[in-house]
Amino acid sequence: MNRSFYEYLMTLKGPNISEPETKFANDVGEDLSFPKHSKNYQEISHYLEFNAYYIDNMDLFDEVWEQYVENNA
């Protein structure tokens, strides 16, 4: 994987917050503590579960992570 999960997410940012992936990306972009250089599923998942107020359902993270893996191989 060439880029971090954060870098991938930033490609999903945009004004259409009705799309869950876009809202998630926008929220992560505003999270100053997000592990920006990580490519590790466990590290990011743990961070989101215990520190991120903006994600209600970890299924969304899993879906976006799958896209990340597919698009970043």
Protein backbone atom coordinates (compact mmCIF):
# COMPACT_ATOMS: atom_id res chain seq x y z
CA MET A 1 0.00 0.00 0.00
CA ASN A 2 1.48 3.26 -1.09
CA ARG A 3 -0.52 5.86 0.79
CA SER A 4 -1.90 6.03 4.28
CA PHE A 5 -5.56 5.49 5.04
CA TYR A 6 -5.84 9.19 5.87
CA GLU A 7 -4.43 10.18 2.49
CA TYR A 8 -6.93 7.88 0.79
CA LEU A 9 -9.81 9.30 2.83
CA MET A 10 -8.90 12.84 1.82
CA THR A 11 -9.62 11.87 -1.79
CA LEU A 12 -13.23 11.17 -0.70
CA LYS A 13 -13.84 14.58 0.88
CA GLY A 14 -16.43 16.84 -0.64
CA PRO A 15 -19.58 18.89 -0.19
CA ASN A 16 -22.06 16.00 -0.57
CA ILE A 17 -22.40 14.98 3.08
CA SER A 18 -25.45 12.86 2.30
CA GLU A 19 -22.94 10.21 1.22
CA PRO A 20 -21.70 8.45 4.39
CA GLU A 21 -18.17 8.00 3.01
CA THR A 22 -17.90 11.70 2.22
CA LYS A 23 -19.15 12.76 5.64
CA PHE A 24 -16.72 10.33 7.28
CA ALA A 25 -13.83 11.71 5.21
CA ASN A 26 -14.78 15.29 6.04
CA ASP A 27 -14.98 14.47 9.75
CA VAL A 28 -11.61 12.72 9.74
CA GLY A 29 -10.14 15.74 7.95
CA GLU A 30 -11.15 17.89 10.92
CA ASP A 31 -9.81 15.42 13.52
CA LEU A 32 -6.37 16.73 14.46
CA SER A 33 -5.52 13.59 16.44
CA PHE A 34 -6.32 11.06 13.73
CA PRO A 35 -3.31 8.79 13.00
CA LYS A 36 -2.56 10.37 9.63
CA HIS A 37 0.41 8.21 8.65
CA SER A 38 -1.04 4.84 9.58
CA LYS A 39 -1.70 2.04 7.13
CA ASN A 40 -2.62 -0.37 9.94
CA TYR A 41 -6.23 -1.54 10.24
CA GLN A 42 -5.97 -2.38 13.95
CA GLU A 43 -4.42 0.96 14.90
CA ILE A 44 -7.02 3.00 13.02
CA SER A 45 -9.93 0.83 14.15
CA HIS A 46 -8.86 1.17 17.78
CA TYR A 47 -8.50 4.91 17.42
CA LEU A 48 -11.96 5.28 15.92
CA GLU A 49 -13.62 3.04 18.50
CA PHE A 50 -12.19 4.90 21.47
CA ASN A 51 -11.59 8.47 20.28
CA ALA A 52 -13.83 9.39 17.36
CA TYR A 53 -17.14 10.98 18.29
CA TYR A 54 -18.16 11.29 14.64
CA ILE A 55 -18.53 7.62 13.64
CA ASP A 56 -21.65 5.87 14.85
CA ASN A 57 -21.17 2.58 13.07
CA MET A 58 -17.84 0.85 12.54
CA ASP A 59 -19.33 -0.96 9.53
CA LEU A 60 -18.76 2.27 7.62
CA PHE A 61 -15.07 2.19 8.50
CA ASP A 62 -14.86 -1.46 7.40
CA GLU A 63 -16.48 -0.64 4.05
CA VAL A 64 -14.16 2.31 3.42
CA TRP A 65 -11.16 0.23 4.54
CA GLU A 66 -12.06 -2.43 1.92
CA GLN A 67 -12.19 0.30 -0.74
CA TYR A 68 -8.82 1.58 0.50
CA VAL A 69 -7.25 -1.86 0.19
CA GLU A 70 -8.71 -2.41 -3.28
CA ASN A 71 -7.69 1.02 -4.57
CA ASN A 72 -4.32 1.19 -2.88
CA ALA A 73 -2.79 -2.18 -3.71
